[in-house]
Amino acid sequence: MKSIGSRITVWYAVTATTTLACLFVAGHYLLENQLVHQLDALNEAQFKQLKYTLGPNYKTLTPPTIDDRIREVTESASSLFYIDMHGPMSNRFFRSNNLRGQTIPDIPGERAYAVEVNGVGELRVSEFILPPFEVTQVWRLGRDGQAKESETRARSTTSGCLSKNPRVLLIAGLGSAKRSRRRPRRPPANFPASG
């Protein structure tokens, strides 16, 4: 490494690799935050549909009527959404069949959070108040949930090259640095001069 050209090449490769690594890490966090934000928006949209289905006189409905109305709306998306609706004193009015008898854990003071439920998987939970009820709306993040699949695809796109084989970035950086060291070609003799 005596020549200045070699030093510049190595410096360029290290700088390019470090810059790409920082961009991949930043992209990963931005995509992850965007995914969580979109899941919360999906939960909110599903809750609004649920609220519309129950109607303005939902406080006077009996538990079987609430159950029938919610099941009518949620059957088509039952593999994606989980709903747990309860009143004061944990009095359950509705629980999705796809919860398999499990209860969604409640974290006091939190309205949106991720939680693991045995037998169901990882869930993104959003809680909404519909006085006197508390509606827990959930989007599945588990193995066969679509959100987890999208997150995995986004992670592999942004950081897969770096995490699986950092040598690829180093080789690409060295190659582009080597190309930048080449002397420019002389223009042909019949090339018009700019003036």
C-alpha atoms as a PDB file:
ATOM      1  CA  MET A   1       0.000   0.000   0.000  1.00  0.00           C
ATOM      2  CA  LYS A   2       2.720   2.417  -0.921  1.00  0.00           C
ATOM      3  CA  SER A   3       1.035   4.202  -3.770  1.00  0.00           C
ATOM      4  CA  ILE A   4      -1.469   6.961  -3.237  1.00  0.00           C
ATOM      5  CA  GLY A   5      -3.776   5.285  -5.767  1.00  0.00           C
ATOM      6  CA  SER A   6      -4.032   2.154  -3.600  1.00  0.00           C
ATOM      7  CA  ARG A   7      -4.792   4.198  -0.520  1.00  0.00           C
ATOM      8  CA  ILE A   8      -7.490   6.168  -2.310  1.00  0.00           C
ATOM      9  CA  THR A   9      -9.013   2.941  -3.617  1.00  0.00           C
ATOM     10  CA  VAL A  10      -9.179   1.391  -0.148  1.00  0.00           C
ATOM     11  CA  TRP A  11     -10.502   4.620   1.373  1.00  0.00           C
ATOM     12  CA  TYR A  12     -13.190   4.847  -1.331  1.00  0.00           C
ATOM     13  CA  ALA A  13     -14.234   1.211  -0.816  1.00  0.00           C
ATOM     14  CA  VAL A  14     -14.481   1.610   2.964  1.00  0.00           C
ATOM     15  CA  THR A  15     -16.455   4.848   2.611  1.00  0.00           C
ATOM     16  CA  ALA A  16     -18.863   3.369   0.051  1.00  0.00           C
ATOM     17  CA  THR A  17     -19.409   0.249   2.151  1.00  0.00           C
ATOM     18  CA  THR A  18     -20.017   2.239   5.331  1.00  0.00           C
ATOM     19  CA  THR A  19     -22.420   4.579   3.546  1.00  0.00           C
ATOM     20  CA  LEU A  20     -24.420   1.669   2.101  1.00  0.00           C
ATOM     21  CA  ALA A  21     -24.510  -0.064   5.480  1.00  0.00           C
ATOM     22  CA  CYS A  22     -25.887   3.105   7.122  1.00  0.00           C
ATOM     23  CA  LEU A  23     -28.492   3.478   4.372  1.00  0.00           C
ATOM     24  CA  PHE A  24     -29.604  -0.138   4.766  1.00  0.00           C
ATOM     25  CA  VAL A  25     -29.964   0.203   8.541  1.00  0.00           C
ATOM     26  CA  ALA A  26     -31.882   3.487   8.220  1.00  0.00           C
ATOM     27  CA  GLY A  27     -34.109   1.970   5.525  1.00  0.00           C
ATOM     28  CA  HIS A  28     -34.826  -1.036   7.723  1.00  0.00           C
ATOM     29  CA  TYR A  29     -36.014   1.143  10.617  1.00  0.00           C
ATOM     30  CA  LEU A  30     -38.064   3.406   8.361  1.00  0.00           C
ATOM     31  CA  LEU A  31     -39.805   0.421   6.767  1.00  0.00           C
ATOM     32  CA  GLU A  32     -40.464  -1.174  10.137  1.00  0.00           C
ATOM     33  CA  ASN A  33     -41.993   2.039  11.510  1.00  0.00           C
ATOM     34  CA  GLN A  34     -44.106   2.425   8.380  1.00  0.00           C
ATOM     35  CA  LEU A  35     -45.328  -1.173   8.709  1.00  0.00           C
ATOM     36  CA  VAL A  36     -46.398  -0.637  12.326  1.00  0.00           C
ATOM     37  CA  HIS A  37     -48.127   2.635  11.420  1.00  0.00           C
ATOM     38  CA  GLN A  38     -50.035   0.950   8.580  1.00  0.00           C
ATOM     39  CA  LEU A  39     -51.115  -1.935  10.832  1.00  0.00           C
ATOM     40  CA  ASP A  40     -52.481   0.565  13.355  1.00  0.00           C
ATOM     41  CA  ALA A  41     -54.354   2.311  10.526  1.00  0.00           C
ATOM     42  CA  LEU A  42     -55.829  -1.050   9.424  1.00  0.00           C
ATOM     43  CA  ASN A  43     -56.972  -1.750  12.977  1.00  0.00           C
ATOM     44  CA  GLU A  44     -58.603   1.676  13.168  1.00  0.00           C
ATOM     45  CA  ALA A  45     -60.394   1.192   9.830  1.00  0.00           C
ATOM     46  CA  GLN A  46     -61.714  -2.191  10.965  1.00  0.00           C
ATOM     47  CA  PHE A  47     -62.906  -0.637  14.238  1.00  0.00           C
ATOM     48  CA  LYS A  48     -64.793   2.092  12.353  1.00  0.00           C
ATOM     49  CA  GLN A  49     -66.507  -0.588  10.278  1.00  0.00           C
ATOM     50  CA  LEU A  50     -67.381  -2.445  13.477  1.00  0.00           C
ATOM     51  CA  LYS A  51     -68.780   0.710  15.081  1.00  0.00           C
ATOM     52  CA  TYR A  52     -70.916   1.376  11.997  1.00  0.00           C
ATOM     53  CA  THR A  53     -72.182  -2.216  12.058  1.00  0.00           C
ATOM     54  CA  LEU A  54     -73.258  -1.976  15.691  1.00  0.00           C
ATOM     55  CA  GLY A  55     -75.151   1.236  14.969  1.00  0.00           C
ATOM     56  CA  PRO A  56     -75.826   4.292  17.122  1.00  0.00           C
ATOM     57  CA  ASN A  57     -77.913   2.349  19.686  1.00  0.00           C
ATOM     58  CA  TYR A  58     -75.173  -0.183  20.476  1.00  0.00           C
ATOM     59  CA  LYS A  59     -75.525   0.405  24.249  1.00  0.00           C
ATOM     60  CA  THR A  60     -78.996  -1.150  24.239  1.00  0.00           C
ATOM     61  CA  LEU A  61     -78.002  -4.278  22.289  1.00  0.00           C
ATOM     62  CA  THR A  62     -77.941  -7.653  23.998  1.00  0.00           C
ATOM     63  CA  PRO A  63     -74.752  -9.755  23.934  1.00  0.00           C
ATOM     64  CA  PRO A  64     -76.224 -12.261  21.396  1.00  0.00           C
ATOM     65  CA  THR A  65     -77.199  -9.381  19.064  1.00  0.00           C
ATOM     66  CA  ILE A  66     -73.719  -7.857  19.346  1.00  0.00           C
ATOM     67  CA  ASP A  67     -72.215 -11.268  18.632  1.00  0.00           C
ATOM     68  CA  ASP A  68     -74.389 -11.790  15.536  1.00  0.00           C
ATOM     69  CA  ARG A  69     -73.701  -8.342  14.080  1.00  0.00           C
ATOM     70  CA  ILE A  70     -69.947  -8.529  14.552  1.00  0.00           C
ATOM     71  CA  ARG A  71     -69.679 -12.089  13.227  1.00  0.00           C
ATOM     72  CA  GLU A  72     -71.638 -11.082  10.144  1.00  0.00           C
ATOM     73  CA  VAL A  73     -69.037  -8.434   9.297  1.00  0.00           C
ATOM     74  CA  THR A  74     -65.845 -10.168  10.410  1.00  0.00           C
ATOM     75  CA  GLU A  75     -66.292 -13.648   8.933  1.00  0.00           C
ATOM     76  CA  SER A  76     -64.721 -12.689   5.591  1.00  0.00           C
ATOM     77  CA  ALA A  77     -61.559 -11.315   7.240  1.00  0.00           C
ATOM     78  CA  SER A  78     -61.383 -13.760  10.134  1.00  0.00           C
ATOM     79  CA  SER A  79     -57.932 -14.999   9.165  1.00  0.00           C
ATOM     80  CA  LEU A  80     -56.529 -11.461   9.348  1.00  0.00           C
ATOM     81  CA  PHE A  81     -58.308  -9.767  12.255  1.00  0.00           C
ATOM     82  CA  TYR A  82     -58.966 -10.808  15.824  1.00  0.00           C
ATOM     83  CA  ILE A  83     -61.577  -9.014  17.893  1.00  0.00           C
ATOM     84  CA  ASP A  84     -62.151  -9.106  21.623  1.00  0.00           C
ATOM     85  CA  MET A  85     -64.963  -6.928  22.981  1.00  0.00           C
ATOM     86  CA  HIS A  86     -65.672  -6.664  26.675  1.00  0.00           C
ATOM     87  CA  GLY A  87     -67.528  -4.415  29.045  1.00  0.00           C
ATOM     88  CA  PRO A  88     -66.845  -3.400  32.609  1.00  0.00           C
ATOM     89  CA  MET A  89     -65.424  -6.079  34.919  1.00  0.00           C
ATOM     90  CA  SER A  90     -64.051  -8.083  31.939  1.00  0.00           C
ATOM     91  CA  ASN A  91     -67.573  -9.100  30.923  1.00  0.00           C
ATOM     92  CA  ARG A  92     -66.958 -10.601  27.442  1.00  0.00           C
ATOM     93  CA  PHE A  93     -69.507  -9.644  24.803  1.00  0.00           C
ATOM     94  CA  PHE A  94     -67.605 -10.953  21.801  1.00  0.00           C
ATOM     95  CA  ARG A  95     -64.450 -12.918  21.069  1.00  0.00           C
ATOM     96  CA  SER A  96     -63.329 -14.023  17.604  1.00  0.00           C
ATOM     97  CA  ASN A  97     -63.433 -17.763  16.972  1.00  0.00           C
ATOM     98  CA  ASN A  98     -59.922 -17.586  15.541  1.00  0.00           C
ATOM     99  CA  LEU A  99     -58.560 -16.664  18.992  1.00  0.00           C
ATOM    100  CA  ARG A 100     -59.162 -20.335  19.932  1.00  0.00           C
ATOM    101  CA  GLY A 101     -60.400 -19.431  23.401  1.00  0.00           C
ATOM    102  CA  GLN A 102     -57.370 -17.264  24.177  1.00  0.00           C
ATOM    103  CA  THR A 103     -57.708 -13.773  25.624  1.00  0.00           C
ATOM    104  CA  ILE A 104     -55.687 -10.902  24.203  1.00  0.00           C
ATOM    105  CA  PRO A 105     -53.432  -9.593  26.993  1.00  0.00           C
ATOM    106  CA  ASP A 106     -54.205  -6.055  28.129  1.00  0.00           C
ATOM    107  CA  ILE A 107     -51.297  -3.742  28.894  1.00  0.00           C
ATOM    108  CA  PRO A 108     -52.577  -0.963  31.183  1.00  0.00           C
ATOM    109  CA  GLY A 109     -52.107   2.521  29.778  1.00  0.00           C
ATOM    110  CA  GLU A 110     -51.196   1.293  26.274  1.00  0.00           C
ATOM    111  CA  ARG A 111     -53.579   1.667  23.323  1.00  0.00           C
ATOM    112  CA  ALA A 112     -51.338   0.169  20.612  1.00  0.00           C
ATOM    113  CA  TYR A 113     -48.729  -2.533  21.221  1.00  0.00           C
ATOM    114  CA  ALA A 114     -47.369  -5.862  19.996  1.00  0.00           C
ATOM    115  CA  VAL A 115     -47.936  -9.012  22.023  1.00  0.00           C
ATOM    116  CA  GLU A 116     -47.404 -12.770  21.710  1.00  0.00           C
ATOM    117  CA  VAL A 117     -50.413 -15.031  22.321  1.00  0.00           C
ATOM    118  CA  ASN A 118     -49.893 -18.785  22.806  1.00  0.00           C
ATOM    119  CA  GLY A 119     -51.414 -20.811  20.001  1.00  0.00           C
ATOM    120  CA  VAL A 120     -52.120 -17.698  17.897  1.00  0.00           C
ATOM    121  CA  GLY A 121     -48.761 -15.991  17.371  1.00  0.00           C
ATOM    122  CA  GLU A 122     -47.486 -12.425  17.402  1.00  0.00           C
ATOM    123  CA  LEU A 123     -50.213  -9.786  17.226  1.00  0.00           C
ATOM    124  CA  ARG A 124     -50.371  -6.019  16.732  1.00  0.00           C
ATOM    125  CA  VAL A 125     -53.042  -4.826  19.167  1.00  0.00           C
ATOM    126  CA  SER A 126     -55.060  -1.601  19.101  1.00  0.00           C
ATOM    127  CA  GLU A 127     -57.584  -0.844  21.824  1.00  0.00           C
ATOM    128  CA  PHE A 128     -60.578   1.405  21.228  1.00  0.00           C
ATOM    129  CA  ILE A 129     -63.154   2.693  23.688  1.00  0.00           C
ATOM    130  CA  LEU A 130     -66.799   2.386  22.721  1.00  0.00           C
ATOM    131  CA  PRO A 131     -68.455   3.301  26.051  1.00  0.00           C
ATOM    132  CA  PRO A 132     -69.189   1.195  28.062  1.00  0.00           C
ATOM    133  CA  PHE A 133     -67.209  -1.344  26.039  1.00  0.00           C
ATOM    134  CA  GLU A 134     -63.538  -1.701  25.275  1.00  0.00           C
ATOM    135  CA  VAL A 135     -62.867  -3.134  21.832  1.00  0.00           C
ATOM    136  CA  THR A 136     -59.525  -4.782  21.222  1.00  0.00           C
ATOM    137  CA  GLN A 137     -58.754  -4.923  17.503  1.00  0.00           C
ATOM    138  CA  VAL A 138     -55.807  -7.051  16.413  1.00  0.00           C
ATOM    139  CA  TRP A 139     -53.848  -7.677  13.218  1.00  0.00           C
ATOM    140  CA  ARG A 140     -51.827 -10.854  13.086  1.00  0.00           C
ATOM    141  CA  LEU A 141     -48.056 -10.680  12.679  1.00  0.00           C
ATOM    142  CA  GLY A 142     -47.497 -14.417  13.052  1.00  0.00           C
ATOM    143  CA  ARG A 143     -45.809 -16.883  10.730  1.00  0.00           C
ATOM    144  CA  ASP A 144     -48.617 -17.191   8.243  1.00  0.00           C
ATOM    145  CA  GLY A 145     -49.900 -13.621   8.642  1.00  0.00           C
ATOM    146  CA  GLN A 146     -49.507 -11.376   5.619  1.00  0.00           C
ATOM    147  CA  ALA A 147     -48.038  -8.492   7.612  1.00  0.00           C
ATOM    148  CA  LYS A 148     -45.143 -10.630   8.842  1.00  0.00           C
ATOM    149  CA  GLU A 149     -44.526 -11.780   5.271  1.00  0.00           C
ATOM    150  CA  SER A 150     -44.384  -8.154   4.051  1.00  0.00           C
ATOM    151  CA  GLU A 151     -42.083  -7.191   6.905  1.00  0.00           C
ATOM    152  CA  THR A 152     -39.764 -10.104   6.149  1.00  0.00           C
ATOM    153  CA  ARG A 153     -39.691  -9.189   2.459  1.00  0.00           C
ATOM    154  CA  ALA A 154     -38.906  -5.551   3.289  1.00  0.00           C
ATOM    155  CA  ARG A 155     -36.134  -6.538   5.694  1.00  0.00           C
ATOM    156  CA  SER A 156     -34.499  -8.864   3.192  1.00  0.00           C
ATOM    157  CA  THR A 157     -34.694  -6.214   0.480  1.00  0.00           C
ATOM    158  CA  THR A 158     -33.040  -3.492   2.534  1.00  0.00           C
ATOM    159  CA  SER A 159     -30.522  -5.389   4.608  1.00  0.00           C
ATOM    160  CA  GLY A 160     -30.224  -8.862   3.113  1.00  0.00           C
ATOM    161  CA  CYS A 161     -27.157  -8.116   1.050  1.00  0.00           C
ATOM    162  CA  LEU A 162     -25.335  -6.577   4.003  1.00  0.00           C
ATOM    163  CA  SER A 163     -26.307  -9.100   6.660  1.00  0.00           C
ATOM    164  CA  LYS A 164     -25.891 -12.234   4.567  1.00  0.00           C
ATOM    165  CA  ASN A 165     -22.682 -11.347   2.760  1.00  0.00           C
ATOM    166  CA  PRO A 166     -20.890  -8.076   3.584  1.00  0.00           C
ATOM    167  CA  ARG A 167     -18.123  -9.072   1.166  1.00  0.00           C
ATOM    168  CA  VAL A 168     -20.472  -8.255  -1.712  1.00  0.00           C
ATOM    169  CA  LEU A 169     -20.524  -4.604  -0.667  1.00  0.00           C
ATOM    170  CA  LEU A 170     -16.756  -4.534  -0.208  1.00  0.00           C
ATOM    171  CA  ILE A 171     -16.154  -6.043  -3.652  1.00  0.00           C
ATOM    172  CA  ALA A 172     -18.618  -3.608  -5.239  1.00  0.00           C
ATOM    173  CA  GLY A 173     -16.888  -0.701  -3.530  1.00  0.00           C
ATOM    174  CA  LEU A 174     -13.441  -1.877  -4.637  1.00  0.00           C
ATOM    175  CA  GLY A 175     -14.649  -2.420  -8.187  1.00  0.00           C
ATOM    176  CA  SER A 176     -16.154   1.052  -8.485  1.00  0.00           C
ATOM    177  CA  ALA A 177     -13.049   2.576  -6.905  1.00  0.00           C
ATOM    178  CA  LYS A 178     -10.833   0.760  -9.393  1.00  0.00           C
ATOM    179  CA  ARG A 179     -12.957   2.025 -12.273  1.00  0.00           C
ATOM    180  CA  SER A 180     -12.630   5.582 -10.971  1.00  0.00           C
ATOM    181  CA  ARG A 181      -8.819   5.314 -11.099  1.00  0.00           C
ATOM    182  CA  ARG A 182      -8.736   4.621 -14.843  1.00  0.00           C
ATOM    183  CA  ARG A 183      -7.386   7.374 -16.987  1.00  0.00           C
ATOM    184  CA  PRO A 184      -9.940   9.026 -19.221  1.00  0.00           C
ATOM    185  CA  ARG A 185      -9.797   8.104 -22.870  1.00  0.00           C
ATOM    186  CA  ARG A 186      -8.619  10.688 -25.310  1.00  0.00           C
ATOM    187  CA  PRO A 187     -11.333  11.873 -27.638  1.00  0.00           C
ATOM    188  CA  PRO A 188     -10.942  10.790 -31.272  1.00  0.00           C
ATOM    189  CA  ALA A 189      -9.125  13.188 -33.553  1.00  0.00           C
ATOM    190  CA  ASN A 190     -12.277  14.017 -35.487  1.00  0.00           C
ATOM    191  CA  PHE A 191     -14.232  14.864 -32.275  1.00  0.00           C
ATOM    192  CA  PRO A 192     -15.518  18.465 -32.459  1.00  0.00           C
ATOM    193  CA  ALA A 193     -14.014  20.744 -29.845  1.00  0.00           C
ATOM    194  CA  SER A 194     -16.445  22.496 -27.526  1.00  0.00           C
ATOM    195  CA  GLY A 195     -16.155  26.147 -27.596  1.00  0.00           C
END
